[in-house]
N, C-alpha and C. Protein backbone atom coordinates (compact mmCIF):
# COMPACT_ATOMS: atom_id res chain seq x y z
N MET A 1 14.35 -3.23 -17.67
CA MET A 1 13.06 -2.51 -17.54
C MET A 1 13.36 -2.10 -16.16
N GLY A 2 13.44 -0.83 -15.89
CA GLY A 2 13.57 -0.04 -14.54
C GLY A 2 12.15 -0.59 -13.53
N ALA A 3 12.02 0.30 -12.69
CA ALA A 3 10.79 0.15 -11.52
C ALA A 3 9.56 1.05 -12.26
N GLY A 4 9.93 2.14 -13.01
CA GLY A 4 9.19 3.01 -13.29
C GLY A 4 8.31 2.41 -14.56
N ALA A 5 9.08 1.36 -15.00
CA ALA A 5 8.27 0.88 -16.29
C ALA A 5 7.22 -0.21 -15.57
N ARG A 6 7.90 -0.75 -14.76
CA ARG A 6 7.03 -1.73 -13.99
C ARG A 6 5.94 -1.36 -13.35
N VAL A 7 5.94 0.19 -12.44
CA VAL A 7 5.06 0.55 -12.02
C VAL A 7 4.09 1.33 -12.97
N ALA A 8 4.46 1.49 -14.31
CA ALA A 8 3.21 1.85 -15.43
C ALA A 8 2.56 0.13 -15.92
N ASP A 9 3.32 -0.44 -15.49
CA ASP A 9 2.69 -2.10 -16.23
C ASP A 9 1.49 -2.23 -15.33
N GLU A 10 2.34 -2.28 -14.03
CA GLU A 10 1.11 -3.11 -12.99
C GLU A 10 0.01 -1.97 -12.92
N ARG A 11 0.47 -0.87 -12.86
CA ARG A 11 -0.86 0.56 -12.99
C ARG A 11 -1.81 0.24 -13.73
N GLU A 12 -1.43 -0.04 -15.01
CA GLU A 12 -2.62 -0.30 -16.48
C GLU A 12 -3.19 -1.75 -16.13
N ARG A 13 -2.33 -2.62 -16.08
CA ARG A 13 -2.98 -4.15 -15.46
C ARG A 13 -3.86 -4.42 -14.64
N GLN A 14 -3.65 -3.46 -13.45
CA GLN A 14 -4.88 -2.78 -12.62
C GLN A 14 -6.28 -2.10 -12.58
N GLY A 15 -5.79 -1.17 -14.11
CA GLY A 15 -6.89 -0.40 -14.39
C GLY A 15 -6.99 1.20 -13.89
N MET A 16 -6.00 1.27 -13.24
CA MET A 16 -5.65 2.23 -12.60
C MET A 16 -4.88 3.65 -12.84
N THR A 17 -5.56 4.74 -12.97
CA THR A 17 -5.05 6.19 -13.80
C THR A 17 -3.85 6.81 -12.74
N GLN A 18 -3.18 7.33 -13.09
CA GLN A 18 -1.68 8.02 -12.47
C GLN A 18 -2.52 8.95 -11.26
N ALA A 19 -3.44 9.11 -11.77
CA ALA A 19 -4.09 10.51 -10.65
C ALA A 19 -4.33 9.34 -9.64
N GLU A 20 -5.03 8.21 -10.07
CA GLU A 20 -5.43 7.14 -8.93
C GLU A 20 -3.65 6.57 -7.95
N LEU A 21 -2.94 6.49 -8.80
CA LEU A 21 -2.13 6.08 -8.23
C LEU A 21 -1.42 6.73 -6.72
N ALA A 22 -1.42 8.28 -7.72
CA ALA A 22 -1.00 9.17 -6.85
C ALA A 22 -1.76 9.42 -5.20
N ALA A 23 -2.90 9.29 -5.66
CA ALA A 23 -3.81 9.62 -4.23
C ALA A 23 -3.63 8.43 -3.49
N ARG A 24 -3.10 7.31 -4.18
CA ARG A 24 -2.77 6.20 -2.96
C ARG A 24 -1.68 6.46 -2.39
N VAL A 25 -0.65 6.54 -2.81
CA VAL A 25 0.59 6.89 -2.40
C VAL A 25 0.50 7.84 -1.32
N SER A 26 -0.42 9.21 -2.19
CA SER A 26 -0.15 10.34 -1.03
C SER A 26 -0.74 10.31 0.19
N ARG A 27 -2.05 8.96 0.49
CA ARG A 27 -2.64 8.76 1.29
C ARG A 27 -1.72 8.13 2.74
N LEU A 28 -0.75 7.58 1.76
CA LEU A 28 0.24 6.43 2.41
C LEU A 28 1.95 7.42 2.98
N GLY A 29 1.23 8.56 3.29
CA GLY A 29 2.26 9.88 3.63
C GLY A 29 3.10 10.32 2.47
N TYR A 30 3.21 10.05 1.38
CA TYR A 30 4.35 10.24 0.74
C TYR A 30 3.63 11.24 -0.42
N LYS A 31 3.87 12.47 0.02
CA LYS A 31 2.55 13.83 -1.52
C LYS A 31 3.44 13.45 -2.44
N ILE A 32 2.69 13.02 -3.39
CA ILE A 32 2.76 13.27 -5.19
C ILE A 32 1.82 13.24 -5.79
N THR A 33 1.74 13.86 -6.78
CA THR A 33 0.66 14.27 -7.85
C THR A 33 0.90 13.37 -9.10
N GLN A 34 -0.06 13.62 -9.80
CA GLN A 34 -0.30 12.77 -11.18
C GLN A 34 1.11 12.85 -12.01
N GLN A 35 1.70 14.07 -12.20
CA GLN A 35 3.18 14.31 -12.74
C GLN A 35 3.99 13.88 -12.48
N GLY A 36 4.39 13.64 -10.90
CA GLY A 36 4.93 13.23 -10.48
C GLY A 36 5.14 11.48 -10.92
N ILE A 37 4.08 10.76 -11.01
CA ILE A 37 3.70 9.33 -11.22
C ILE A 37 4.25 9.28 -12.66
N ASP A 38 3.58 10.33 -13.33
CA ASP A 38 4.47 10.46 -14.73
C ASP A 38 5.88 10.59 -15.14
N LYS A 39 6.36 10.96 -14.46
CA LYS A 39 7.67 11.23 -14.44
C LYS A 39 8.41 9.95 -13.96
N ILE A 40 8.15 9.24 -13.05
CA ILE A 40 8.40 8.07 -12.64
C ILE A 40 8.57 7.00 -13.55
N GLU A 41 7.03 6.97 -14.20
CA GLU A 41 7.08 6.01 -15.29
C GLU A 41 7.84 6.18 -16.47
N LYS A 42 8.08 7.81 -17.29
CA LYS A 42 8.82 7.79 -18.33
C LYS A 42 10.12 8.08 -18.30
N ARG A 43 10.26 8.40 -16.66
CA ARG A 43 11.99 8.31 -16.73
C ARG A 43 12.30 6.51 -16.73
N ASP A 44 11.44 5.58 -16.44
CA ASP A 44 11.95 4.77 -15.90
C ASP A 44 12.93 4.61 -14.57
N THR A 45 12.62 5.31 -13.34
CA THR A 45 13.41 5.43 -12.37
C THR A 45 13.48 4.08 -11.83
N GLN A 46 14.80 4.06 -11.29
CA GLN A 46 14.99 2.78 -11.04
C GLN A 46 14.66 2.54 -9.48
N ARG A 47 14.88 3.49 -8.69
CA ARG A 47 14.35 3.47 -7.35
C ARG A 47 14.04 4.89 -6.74
N PRO A 48 12.61 5.00 -7.09
CA PRO A 48 11.59 6.10 -6.39
C PRO A 48 11.98 6.35 -5.26
N LYS A 49 12.07 7.79 -4.90
CA LYS A 49 12.08 7.48 -3.55
C LYS A 49 11.38 7.20 -3.07
N CYS A 50 9.45 7.06 -3.39
CA CYS A 50 8.38 6.68 -2.71
C CYS A 50 8.43 4.99 -3.10
N LEU A 51 9.58 4.64 -3.46
CA LEU A 51 9.39 2.94 -3.36
C LEU A 51 8.38 2.28 -2.78
N LYS A 52 8.60 2.28 -1.39
CA LYS A 52 7.79 1.56 -0.55
C LYS A 52 6.10 1.79 -0.69
N GLU A 53 5.97 3.28 -0.75
CA GLU A 53 4.37 3.49 -0.79
C GLU A 53 3.74 2.92 -2.59
N LEU A 54 4.95 3.31 -3.59
CA LEU A 54 4.57 2.71 -4.67
C LEU A 54 3.61 0.65 -4.64
N ALA A 55 5.14 0.37 -4.01
CA ALA A 55 4.39 -0.97 -4.05
C ALA A 55 3.31 -1.20 -2.96
N ILE A 56 3.27 -0.40 -2.01
CA ILE A 56 2.35 -1.04 -1.29
C ILE A 56 0.82 -1.06 -2.23
N ALA A 57 0.70 0.54 -2.43
CA ALA A 57 -0.54 0.86 -3.48
C ALA A 57 -0.58 -0.05 -4.44
N LEU A 58 0.01 -0.39 -4.89
CA LEU A 58 -0.14 -1.32 -6.41
C LEU A 58 -0.32 -2.94 -5.72
N LYS A 59 0.24 -3.08 -4.70
CA LYS A 59 -0.01 -4.54 -3.81
C LYS A 59 1.07 -5.27 -4.49
N VAL A 60 2.28 -4.75 -4.49
CA VAL A 60 3.27 -5.29 -5.12
C VAL A 60 4.70 -5.49 -4.34
N ALA A 61 5.64 -6.43 -4.16
CA ALA A 61 6.78 -6.36 -3.51
C ALA A 61 7.82 -5.58 -3.88
N GLU A 62 8.49 -4.69 -3.11
CA GLU A 62 9.53 -3.49 -3.64
C GLU A 62 10.52 -4.53 -4.47
N GLU A 63 10.92 -5.48 -4.12
CA GLU A 63 11.98 -6.42 -4.70
C GLU A 63 11.48 -6.10 -6.03
N TRP A 64 10.29 -6.79 -6.53
CA TRP A 64 9.85 -7.14 -7.46
C TRP A 64 9.93 -5.69 -8.55
N LEU A 65 9.51 -4.28 -8.18
CA LEU A 65 9.39 -3.13 -8.68
C LEU A 65 10.86 -3.29 -9.29
N VAL A 66 11.67 -2.97 -8.44
CA VAL A 66 12.93 -2.99 -8.58
C VAL A 66 13.79 -3.97 -9.68
N THR A 67 13.52 -4.77 -9.37
CA THR A 67 14.51 -6.59 -10.09
C THR A 67 13.53 -7.07 -11.02
N GLY A 68 11.87 -6.98 -11.04
CA GLY A 68 11.48 -7.87 -11.57
C GLY A 68 11.69 -9.22 -11.48
N ILE A 69 11.80 -9.59 -10.70
CA ILE A 69 12.18 -11.16 -9.61
C ILE A 69 10.64 -11.31 -9.02
N GLU A 70 10.13 -12.45 -9.47
CA GLU A 70 8.92 -12.71 -8.97
C GLU A 70 9.68 -13.43 -7.27
N PRO A 71 8.76 -13.34 -6.63
CA PRO A 71 7.10 -13.18 -6.78
C PRO A 71 6.72 -11.36 -6.38
N ARG A 72 5.82 -11.12 -7.79
CA ARG A 72 5.40 -10.10 -7.59
C ARG A 72 4.61 -9.45 -6.41
N ASP A 73 3.73 -10.42 -5.78
CA ASP A 73 2.59 -10.30 -4.77
C ASP A 73 3.20 -10.37 -3.33
N LYS A 74 3.88 -9.42 -3.18
CA LYS A 74 4.36 -10.17 -1.14
C LYS A 74 4.15 -8.51 -0.66
N ALA A 75 3.20 -7.78 -1.01
CA ALA A 75 3.29 -6.22 -0.49
C ALA A 75 2.04 -6.80 0.37
N PRO A 76 2.40 -5.70 1.72
CA PRO A 76 1.18 -5.99 2.33
C PRO A 76 -0.58 -5.13 2.15
N ASP A 77 -1.29 -5.69 2.82
CA ASP A 77 -2.59 -5.34 2.19
C ASP A 77 -2.51 -3.67 2.48
N PHE A 78 -3.14 -3.00 1.39
CA PHE A 78 -2.96 -1.30 1.05
C PHE A 78 -3.78 -1.06 1.97
N ARG A 79 -4.98 -1.56 2.53
CA ARG A 79 -6.23 -1.03 3.37
C ARG A 79 -5.51 -1.09 4.63
N LEU A 80 -5.08 -1.82 5.10
CA LEU A 80 -4.16 -2.06 6.29
C LEU A 80 -3.42 -1.08 6.78
N THR A 81 -2.12 -0.86 5.48
CA THR A 81 -0.87 -0.11 5.79
C THR A 81 -1.94 1.30 5.73
N GLU A 82 -3.14 1.84 5.21
CA GLU A 82 -3.70 2.97 5.01
C GLU A 82 -4.48 3.27 6.39
N MET A 83 -4.97 2.21 6.91
CA MET A 83 -5.26 2.57 8.05
C MET A 83 -4.44 3.28 9.29
N ASN A 84 -3.47 2.07 9.35
CA ASN A 84 -2.21 2.50 10.23
C ASN A 84 -1.66 3.88 10.25
N ALA A 85 -1.90 4.32 8.69
CA ALA A 85 -1.23 5.51 8.37
C ALA A 85 -2.22 6.85 9.20
N ASP A 86 -3.46 6.12 9.14
CA ASP A 86 -4.19 7.35 9.99
C ASP A 86 -3.97 7.11 11.27
N ILE A 87 -3.72 6.15 11.89
CA ILE A 87 -4.10 5.79 13.39
C ILE A 87 -2.61 6.79 13.91
N GLN A 88 -1.43 6.92 12.85
CA GLN A 88 -0.91 7.41 13.47
C GLN A 88 -0.90 8.98 13.93
N LYS A 89 -1.54 9.70 13.07
CA LYS A 89 -2.31 11.22 12.78
C LYS A 89 -3.13 11.37 14.19
N LEU A 90 -3.24 10.39 15.01
CA LEU A 90 -4.26 10.36 16.15
C LEU A 90 -3.24 10.88 17.34
N GLY A 91 -4.02 10.84 18.82
CA GLY A 91 -3.38 11.52 19.65
C GLY A 91 -2.66 9.93 20.37
N ALA A 92 -2.27 9.89 21.13
CA ALA A 92 -1.90 8.62 22.06
C ALA A 92 -3.07 7.99 22.52
N ASP A 93 -3.72 8.49 23.13
CA ASP A 93 -5.22 8.36 24.37
C ASP A 93 -6.27 7.82 22.72
N GLU A 94 -6.42 8.88 22.05
CA GLU A 94 -7.39 8.15 20.50
C GLU A 94 -6.68 6.88 20.12
N GLN A 95 -5.50 6.72 19.77
CA GLN A 95 -4.65 5.19 19.39
C GLN A 95 -4.84 4.10 20.00
N GLU A 96 -5.00 4.46 21.13
CA GLU A 96 -5.37 3.80 22.59
C GLU A 96 -6.64 2.92 22.65
N THR A 97 -7.37 3.92 22.51
CA THR A 97 -8.96 3.76 22.44
C THR A 97 -9.70 2.70 21.45
N LEU A 98 -8.72 2.98 20.23
CA LEU A 98 -8.78 2.64 18.81
C LEU A 98 -8.32 0.85 18.92
N TYR A 99 -6.95 0.79 19.21
CA TYR A 99 -6.60 -0.42 19.22
C TYR A 99 -7.47 -1.54 20.34
N ALA A 100 -7.69 -0.93 21.45
CA ALA A 100 -8.63 -1.54 22.39
C ALA A 100 -9.98 -1.95 21.27
N GLN A 101 -10.40 -1.37 21.06
CA GLN A 101 -11.63 -1.68 20.26
C GLN A 101 -11.48 -2.93 19.10
N PHE A 102 -10.36 -2.42 18.38
CA PHE A 102 -9.72 -2.99 17.39
C PHE A 102 -9.74 -4.59 18.42
N ARG A 103 -8.86 -4.56 19.02
CA ARG A 103 -8.31 -5.97 19.86
C ARG A 103 -10.00 -6.75 19.95
N SER A 104 -10.95 -6.33 20.39
CA SER A 104 -12.18 -6.86 20.97
C SER A 104 -13.00 -7.12 19.92
N LEU A 105 -12.94 -6.52 18.41
CA LEU A 105 -13.95 -7.25 17.75
C LEU A 105 -12.63 -8.23 17.19
N LEU A 106 -11.53 -8.12 17.02
CA LEU A 106 -10.38 -9.17 16.41
C LEU A 106 -11.09 -10.62 17.53
N ASP A 107 -10.94 -10.46 18.86
CA ASP A 107 -11.28 -11.60 19.12
C ASP A 107 -12.39 -11.97 19.56
N ILE A 108 -13.79 -11.14 19.12
CA ILE A 108 -15.31 -11.65 18.88
C ILE A 108 -14.76 -12.25 17.58
N ALA A 109 -14.58 -11.94 16.40
CA ALA A 109 -14.38 -12.77 14.72
C ALA A 109 -13.59 -13.90 15.12
N MET A 110 -12.59 -14.02 15.78
CA MET A 110 -11.57 -15.15 16.02
C MET A 110 -12.73 -16.54 16.90
N ARG A 111 -13.30 -15.63 17.80
CA ARG A 111 -14.42 -16.76 18.70
C ARG A 111 -15.07 -17.48 17.60
N LYS A 112 -15.81 -16.37 16.63
CA LYS A 112 -16.83 -17.27 15.70
C LYS A 112 -15.86 -18.25 14.74
N ASP A 113 -14.99 -18.08 14.72
CA ASP A 113 -14.47 -19.01 13.35
C ASP A 113 -13.65 -19.93 14.29
N LEU A 114 -13.62 -20.02 15.72
CA LEU A 114 -13.39 -21.23 16.42
C LEU A 114 -14.22 -22.40 16.49
N LYS A 115 -15.57 -21.64 16.66
CA LYS A 115 -16.98 -22.43 16.84
C LYS A 115 -17.34 -22.66 15.61
N LYS A 116 -16.84 -22.33 14.35
CA LYS A 116 -17.34 -23.07 13.21
C LYS A 116 -16.14 -24.10 13.06
N LEU A 117 -15.33 -24.37 13.48
CA LEU A 117 -14.16 -25.50 13.09
C LEU A 117 -14.68 -26.65 14.32
N LYS A 118 -15.28 -26.37 14.87
CA LYS A 118 -16.19 -27.30 16.06
C LYS A 118 -16.91 -27.89 15.28
């Protein structure tokens, strides 16, 4: 079994359509259609060009997609990766402003967690 078959199995396990997977992969910066996902799955492509994006979109490890060797779930969180891709589209000033705001929110959240521990 190659990566294409594992993509199909995992996508189906998660109840996701090919179109939904294509949309997720496209949001990560690799433009692909439902037909492109279908080709990867049917041809059982071993190393698709969008392997990294497929792994992130499916929340699985790239190595697992290629080899089938566990663990399967070592992928970064899709939401964070997607947000980072969107942030990269902003200008430098907007990025700095957003990062500063995020850092402030993260600091507040961390302080609340520390208070709970006391």
